């Protein structure tokens, strides 16, 4: 089930750096708002549709069976997105807001627009790191996701190829304008010039 995959992501990724490692000025409330906004956005139908369009254009042409990829990827990615994004952009995870010294840290100041954008970029860079990609592949390939598919072995084989191609393709379309919109949605007027 979904919570099993999230727990596996927690275990696989808990020893790694938090999104906020270089942005100690963030308050717990700021971090929770930004991370929650990103998770909500990435699991919305419009965003999932955009992710699928990117993957159809960038990943399927690289597949040994591009036609099969085009046919199967949309429904498969829609399921992955509903587990992957809330599992990674989880405000209660130690690699996000639950980092020691962030939530509940005394004397924190208000977050600036640049700090918010930088924090989002750090989260994307972390997501694209070899350690996180590998942890995500391992978590999705296990019982909690692929184990629930009709053909778990095939699912794990597809995940092992898809995730290392999909995450960089999706990360490549990140733009600061998107981050400012996320920051302003999460914490109104964080980036007032945008």
C-alpha atoms as a PDB file:
ATOM      1  CA  UNK A   1       0.000   0.000   0.000  1.00  0.00           C
ATOM      2  CA  UNK A   2       0.911   3.662  -0.290  1.00  0.00           C
ATOM      3  CA  UNK A   3       2.029   4.052   3.309  1.00  0.00           C
ATOM      4  CA  UNK A   4       4.378   1.089   2.922  1.00  0.00           C
ATOM      5  CA  UNK A   5       6.110   2.757  -0.034  1.00  0.00           C
ATOM      6  CA  UNK A   6       6.364   6.018   1.873  1.00  0.00           C
ATOM      7  CA  UNK A   7       7.863   4.174   4.833  1.00  0.00           C
ATOM      8  CA  UNK A   8      10.382   2.536   2.500  1.00  0.00           C
ATOM      9  CA  UNK A   9      11.232   5.948   1.092  1.00  0.00           C
ATOM     10  CA  UNK A  10      11.695   7.202   4.647  1.00  0.00           C
ATOM     11  CA  UNK A  11      14.044   4.349   5.456  1.00  0.00           C
ATOM     12  CA  UNK A  12      15.945   4.555   2.181  1.00  0.00           C
ATOM     13  CA  UNK A  13      16.390   8.301   2.278  1.00  0.00           C
ATOM     14  CA  UNK A  14      16.417   9.254   5.959  1.00  0.00           C
ATOM     15  CA  UNK A  15      20.201   9.322   6.281  1.00  0.00           C
ATOM     16  CA  UNK A  16      20.618  11.865   3.489  1.00  0.00           C
ATOM     17  CA  UNK A  17      20.648  15.666   3.489  1.00  0.00           C
ATOM     18  CA  UNK A  18      17.567  17.764   4.093  1.00  0.00           C
ATOM     19  CA  UNK A  19      16.201  20.300   1.636  1.00  0.00           C
ATOM     20  CA  UNK A  20      16.876  23.073   4.061  1.00  0.00           C
ATOM     21  CA  UNK A  21      20.490  22.353   4.920  1.00  0.00           C
ATOM     22  CA  UNK A  22      21.707  25.704   3.601  1.00  0.00           C
ATOM     23  CA  UNK A  23      18.606  27.710   4.451  1.00  0.00           C
ATOM     24  CA  UNK A  24      18.560  27.787   8.231  1.00  0.00           C
ATOM     25  CA  UNK A  25      16.566  31.029   8.163  1.00  0.00           C
ATOM     26  CA  UNK A  26      13.446  29.097   7.216  1.00  0.00           C
ATOM     27  CA  UNK A  27      10.869  28.650   9.915  1.00  0.00           C
ATOM     28  CA  UNK A  28       9.134  25.334  10.423  1.00  0.00           C
ATOM     29  CA  UNK A  29       5.893  26.921   9.212  1.00  0.00           C
ATOM     30  CA  UNK A  30       7.603  28.257   6.041  1.00  0.00           C
ATOM     31  CA  UNK A  31       9.099  24.868   5.225  1.00  0.00           C
ATOM     32  CA  UNK A  32       5.836  23.022   5.854  1.00  0.00           C
ATOM     33  CA  UNK A  33       3.923  25.466   3.648  1.00  0.00           C
ATOM     34  CA  UNK A  34       6.371  25.262   0.723  1.00  0.00           C
ATOM     35  CA  UNK A  35       6.816  21.485   0.829  1.00  0.00           C
ATOM     36  CA  UNK A  36       3.071  20.880   1.155  1.00  0.00           C
ATOM     37  CA  UNK A  37       2.362  23.248  -1.761  1.00  0.00           C
ATOM     38  CA  UNK A  38       4.871  21.435  -3.990  1.00  0.00           C
ATOM     39  CA  UNK A  39       3.400  18.019  -3.127  1.00  0.00           C
ATOM     40  CA  UNK A  40      -0.142  19.224  -3.786  1.00  0.00           C
ATOM     41  CA  UNK A  41       0.866  20.820  -7.086  1.00  0.00           C
ATOM     42  CA  UNK A  42       2.812  17.798  -8.365  1.00  0.00           C
ATOM     43  CA  UNK A  43      -0.083  15.423  -7.666  1.00  0.00           C
ATOM     44  CA  UNK A  44      -2.728  17.646  -9.268  1.00  0.00           C
ATOM     45  CA  UNK A  45      -4.183  16.391 -12.562  1.00  0.00           C
ATOM     46  CA  UNK A  46      -2.839  19.314 -14.606  1.00  0.00           C
ATOM     47  CA  UNK A  47       0.696  18.776 -13.289  1.00  0.00           C
ATOM     48  CA  UNK A  48       0.570  14.991 -13.745  1.00  0.00           C
ATOM     49  CA  UNK A  49      -0.606  15.549 -17.330  1.00  0.00           C
ATOM     50  CA  UNK A  50       2.361  17.902 -17.927  1.00  0.00           C
ATOM     51  CA  UNK A  51       4.750  15.357 -16.392  1.00  0.00           C
ATOM     52  CA  UNK A  52       3.375  12.667 -18.679  1.00  0.00           C
ATOM     53  CA  UNK A  53       3.761  14.918 -21.740  1.00  0.00           C
ATOM     54  CA  UNK A  54       7.411  15.575 -20.831  1.00  0.00           C
ATOM     55  CA  UNK A  55       8.086  11.883 -20.290  1.00  0.00           C
ATOM     56  CA  UNK A  56       6.380  10.868 -23.533  1.00  0.00           C
ATOM     57  CA  UNK A  57       8.625  13.329 -25.396  1.00  0.00           C
ATOM     58  CA  UNK A  58      11.871  12.701 -23.491  1.00  0.00           C
ATOM     59  CA  UNK A  59      11.781   9.121 -22.182  1.00  0.00           C
ATOM     60  CA  UNK A  60       9.722   7.058 -24.635  1.00  0.00           C
ATOM     61  CA  UNK A  61      11.922   7.832 -27.667  1.00  0.00           C
ATOM     62  CA  UNK A  62      14.850   6.345 -25.683  1.00  0.00           C
ATOM     63  CA  UNK A  63      12.933   3.146 -24.873  1.00  0.00           C
ATOM     64  CA  UNK A  64      13.701  -0.018 -26.830  1.00  0.00           C
ATOM     65  CA  UNK A  65       9.934  -0.271 -27.526  1.00  0.00           C
ATOM     66  CA  UNK A  66       8.802   3.361 -27.927  1.00  0.00           C
ATOM     67  CA  UNK A  67       5.268   2.417 -28.998  1.00  0.00           C
ATOM     68  CA  UNK A  68       4.758   0.288 -25.882  1.00  0.00           C
ATOM     69  CA  UNK A  69       6.143   3.113 -23.762  1.00  0.00           C
ATOM     70  CA  UNK A  70       3.733   5.640 -25.272  1.00  0.00           C
ATOM     71  CA  UNK A  71       0.842   3.272 -24.640  1.00  0.00           C
ATOM     72  CA  UNK A  72       1.709   2.232 -21.083  1.00  0.00           C
ATOM     73  CA  UNK A  73       3.496   5.239 -19.591  1.00  0.00           C
ATOM     74  CA  UNK A  74       0.550   7.618 -18.987  1.00  0.00           C
ATOM     75  CA  UNK A  75      -1.418   5.330 -16.668  1.00  0.00           C
ATOM     76  CA  UNK A  76       1.749   3.969 -15.040  1.00  0.00           C
ATOM     77  CA  UNK A  77       3.206   7.432 -14.351  1.00  0.00           C
ATOM     78  CA  UNK A  78      -0.121   8.640 -12.932  1.00  0.00           C
ATOM     79  CA  UNK A  79       0.160   5.858 -10.314  1.00  0.00           C
ATOM     80  CA  UNK A  80       3.856   6.573  -9.667  1.00  0.00           C
ATOM     81  CA  UNK A  81       3.234  10.316  -9.224  1.00  0.00           C
ATOM     82  CA  UNK A  82       0.645   9.686  -6.500  1.00  0.00           C
ATOM     83  CA  UNK A  83       3.253   7.759  -4.467  1.00  0.00           C
ATOM     84  CA  UNK A  84       6.517   9.446  -5.472  1.00  0.00           C
ATOM     85  CA  UNK A  85       5.714  13.127  -4.954  1.00  0.00           C
ATOM     86  CA  UNK A  86       3.947  12.919  -1.572  1.00  0.00           C
ATOM     87  CA  UNK A  87       6.667  10.490  -0.459  1.00  0.00           C
ATOM     88  CA  UNK A  88       9.491  12.850  -1.375  1.00  0.00           C
ATOM     89  CA  UNK A  89       7.857  16.257  -0.742  1.00  0.00           C
ATOM     90  CA  UNK A  90       6.716  15.215   2.746  1.00  0.00           C
ATOM     91  CA  UNK A  91       6.908  17.967   5.362  1.00  0.00           C
ATOM     92  CA  UNK A  92       7.243  15.362   8.118  1.00  0.00           C
ATOM     93  CA  UNK A  93      10.264  13.677   6.499  1.00  0.00           C
ATOM     94  CA  UNK A  94      13.752  14.189   7.886  1.00  0.00           C
ATOM     95  CA  UNK A  95      15.029  15.119   4.418  1.00  0.00           C
ATOM     96  CA  UNK A  96      12.486  17.943   4.290  1.00  0.00           C
ATOM     97  CA  UNK A  97      11.111  19.919   7.257  1.00  0.00           C
ATOM     98  CA  UNK A  98      11.538  17.429  10.102  1.00  0.00           C
ATOM     99  CA  UNK A  99      15.273  18.068  10.039  1.00  0.00           C
ATOM    100  CA  UNK A 100      16.781  18.604  13.451  1.00  0.00           C
ATOM    101  CA  UNK A 101      17.102  22.312  14.157  1.00  0.00           C
ATOM    102  CA  UNK A 102      14.513  23.466  11.615  1.00  0.00           C
ATOM    103  CA  UNK A 103      11.071  22.801  12.993  1.00  0.00           C
ATOM    104  CA  UNK A 104      10.876  24.502  16.331  1.00  0.00           C
ATOM    105  CA  UNK A 105      14.174  26.337  15.869  1.00  0.00           C
ATOM    106  CA  UNK A 106      14.130  29.492  17.983  1.00  0.00           C
ATOM    107  CA  UNK A 107      15.034  32.858  16.538  1.00  0.00           C
ATOM    108  CA  UNK A 108      14.249  32.069  12.906  1.00  0.00           C
ATOM    109  CA  UNK A 109      13.605  35.016  10.632  1.00  0.00           C
ATOM    110  CA  UNK A 110      11.124  35.396   7.794  1.00  0.00           C
ATOM    111  CA  UNK A 111      12.084  33.653   4.589  1.00  0.00           C
ATOM    112  CA  UNK A 112      13.115  35.743   1.598  1.00  0.00           C
ATOM    113  CA  UNK A 113      12.141  35.047  -1.991  1.00  0.00           C
ATOM    114  CA  UNK A 114      15.705  34.015  -2.854  1.00  0.00           C
ATOM    115  CA  UNK A 115      15.855  31.631   0.125  1.00  0.00           C
ATOM    116  CA  UNK A 116      12.562  30.047  -0.888  1.00  0.00           C
ATOM    117  CA  UNK A 117      13.651  29.583  -4.522  1.00  0.00           C
ATOM    118  CA  UNK A 118      17.043  28.269  -3.380  1.00  0.00           C
ATOM    119  CA  UNK A 119      15.364  25.799  -1.031  1.00  0.00           C
ATOM    120  CA  UNK A 120      13.179  24.463  -3.846  1.00  0.00           C
ATOM    121  CA  UNK A 121      16.218  24.165  -6.137  1.00  0.00           C
ATOM    122  CA  UNK A 122      18.111  22.317  -3.390  1.00  0.00           C
ATOM    123  CA  UNK A 123      15.179  19.925  -3.045  1.00  0.00           C
ATOM    124  CA  UNK A 124      15.217  19.253  -6.792  1.00  0.00           C
ATOM    125  CA  UNK A 125      19.009  18.806  -6.828  1.00  0.00           C
ATOM    126  CA  UNK A 126      18.735  16.379  -3.920  1.00  0.00           C
ATOM    127  CA  UNK A 127      15.944  14.466  -5.679  1.00  0.00           C
ATOM    128  CA  UNK A 128      18.155  14.105  -8.766  1.00  0.00           C
ATOM    129  CA  UNK A 129      21.205  12.891  -6.810  1.00  0.00           C
ATOM    130  CA  UNK A 130      22.333   9.336  -7.450  1.00  0.00           C
ATOM    131  CA  UNK A 131      21.573   8.347  -3.850  1.00  0.00           C
ATOM    132  CA  UNK A 132      17.985   9.586  -3.994  1.00  0.00           C
ATOM    133  CA  UNK A 133      17.277   8.194  -7.464  1.00  0.00           C
ATOM    134  CA  UNK A 134      18.595   4.823  -6.297  1.00  0.00           C
ATOM    135  CA  UNK A 135      16.527   4.995  -3.092  1.00  0.00           C
ATOM    136  CA  UNK A 136      13.394   5.863  -5.056  1.00  0.00           C
ATOM    137  CA  UNK A 137      13.996   2.998  -7.509  1.00  0.00           C
ATOM    138  CA  UNK A 138      14.448   0.594  -4.582  1.00  0.00           C
ATOM    139  CA  UNK A 139      11.338   1.839  -2.795  1.00  0.00           C
ATOM    140  CA  UNK A 140       9.067   1.775  -5.852  1.00  0.00           C
ATOM    141  CA  UNK A 141      10.402  -1.640  -6.941  1.00  0.00           C
ATOM    142  CA  UNK A 142       9.383  -3.222  -3.632  1.00  0.00           C
ATOM    143  CA  UNK A 143       6.181  -4.708  -2.315  1.00  0.00           C
ATOM    144  CA  UNK A 144       4.459  -1.384  -1.628  1.00  0.00           C
ATOM    145  CA  UNK A 145       4.310  -0.322  -5.290  1.00  0.00           C
ATOM    146  CA  UNK A 146       5.493  -2.934  -7.801  1.00  0.00           C
ATOM    147  CA  UNK A 147       4.438  -5.731  -5.475  1.00  0.00           C
ATOM    148  CA  UNK A 148       0.869  -4.605  -6.011  1.00  0.00           C
ATOM    149  CA  UNK A 149       1.100  -4.638  -9.812  1.00  0.00           C
ATOM    150  CA  UNK A 150      -0.094  -7.530 -11.965  1.00  0.00           C
ATOM    151  CA  UNK A 151       3.509  -8.355 -12.940  1.00  0.00           C
ATOM    152  CA  UNK A 152       5.778  -7.174 -10.088  1.00  0.00           C
ATOM    153  CA  UNK A 153       8.978  -8.295 -11.834  1.00  0.00           C
ATOM    154  CA  UNK A 154       8.153  -6.375 -14.999  1.00  0.00           C
ATOM    155  CA  UNK A 155       7.164  -3.356 -12.912  1.00  0.00           C
ATOM    156  CA  UNK A 156      10.523  -3.409 -11.088  1.00  0.00           C
ATOM    157  CA  UNK A 157      12.370  -3.699 -14.400  1.00  0.00           C
ATOM    158  CA  UNK A 158      10.453  -0.720 -15.802  1.00  0.00           C
ATOM    159  CA  UNK A 159      10.999   1.343 -12.624  1.00  0.00           C
ATOM    160  CA  UNK A 160      14.755   0.660 -12.771  1.00  0.00           C
ATOM    161  CA  UNK A 161      14.876   2.175 -16.272  1.00  0.00           C
ATOM    162  CA  UNK A 162      12.103   4.786 -16.012  1.00  0.00           C
ATOM    163  CA  UNK A 163      12.982   6.625 -12.787  1.00  0.00           C
ATOM    164  CA  UNK A 164      16.635   7.414 -13.694  1.00  0.00           C
ATOM    165  CA  UNK A 165      15.405   8.821 -17.023  1.00  0.00           C
ATOM    166  CA  UNK A 166      12.192  10.449 -15.791  1.00  0.00           C
ATOM    167  CA  UNK A 167      13.465  12.447 -12.817  1.00  0.00           C
ATOM    168  CA  UNK A 168      16.195  14.337 -14.754  1.00  0.00           C
ATOM    169  CA  UNK A 169      13.748  14.985 -17.625  1.00  0.00           C
ATOM    170  CA  UNK A 170      11.235  16.460 -15.182  1.00  0.00           C
ATOM    171  CA  UNK A 171      13.919  18.345 -13.233  1.00  0.00           C
ATOM    172  CA  UNK A 172      15.199  19.933 -16.442  1.00  0.00           C
ATOM    173  CA  UNK A 173      11.969  21.884 -16.924  1.00  0.00           C
ATOM    174  CA  UNK A 174      12.226  23.637 -13.537  1.00  0.00           C
ATOM    175  CA  UNK A 175      12.202  27.404 -13.933  1.00  0.00           C
ATOM    176  CA  UNK A 176      12.576  30.143 -11.290  1.00  0.00           C
ATOM    177  CA  UNK A 177       9.183  31.546 -12.330  1.00  0.00           C
ATOM    178  CA  UNK A 178       7.578  28.278 -11.215  1.00  0.00           C
ATOM    179  CA  UNK A 179       9.395  28.504  -7.893  1.00  0.00           C
ATOM    180  CA  UNK A 180       8.207  32.062  -7.276  1.00  0.00           C
ATOM    181  CA  UNK A 181       4.618  30.929  -7.890  1.00  0.00           C
ATOM    182  CA  UNK A 182       5.090  28.059  -5.416  1.00  0.00           C
ATOM    183  CA  UNK A 183       6.673  30.387  -2.855  1.00  0.00           C
ATOM    184  CA  UNK A 184       3.847  32.922  -3.195  1.00  0.00           C
ATOM    185  CA  UNK A 185       1.196  30.206  -2.954  1.00  0.00           C
ATOM    186  CA  UNK A 186       2.833  28.697   0.128  1.00  0.00           C
ATOM    187  CA  UNK A 187       3.745  31.981   1.849  1.00  0.00           C
ATOM    188  CA  UNK A 188       1.817  34.921   0.360  1.00  0.00           C
ATOM    189  CA  UNK A 189       3.950  37.853  -0.828  1.00  0.00           C
ATOM    190  CA  UNK A 190       7.264  36.031  -0.346  1.00  0.00           C
ATOM    191  CA  UNK A 191       8.192  37.104  -3.866  1.00  0.00           C
ATOM    192  CA  UNK A 192       6.176  40.331  -4.278  1.00  0.00           C
ATOM    193  CA  UNK A 193       7.828  41.418  -7.552  1.00  0.00           C
ATOM    194  CA  UNK A 194       6.477  38.376  -9.398  1.00  0.00           C
END
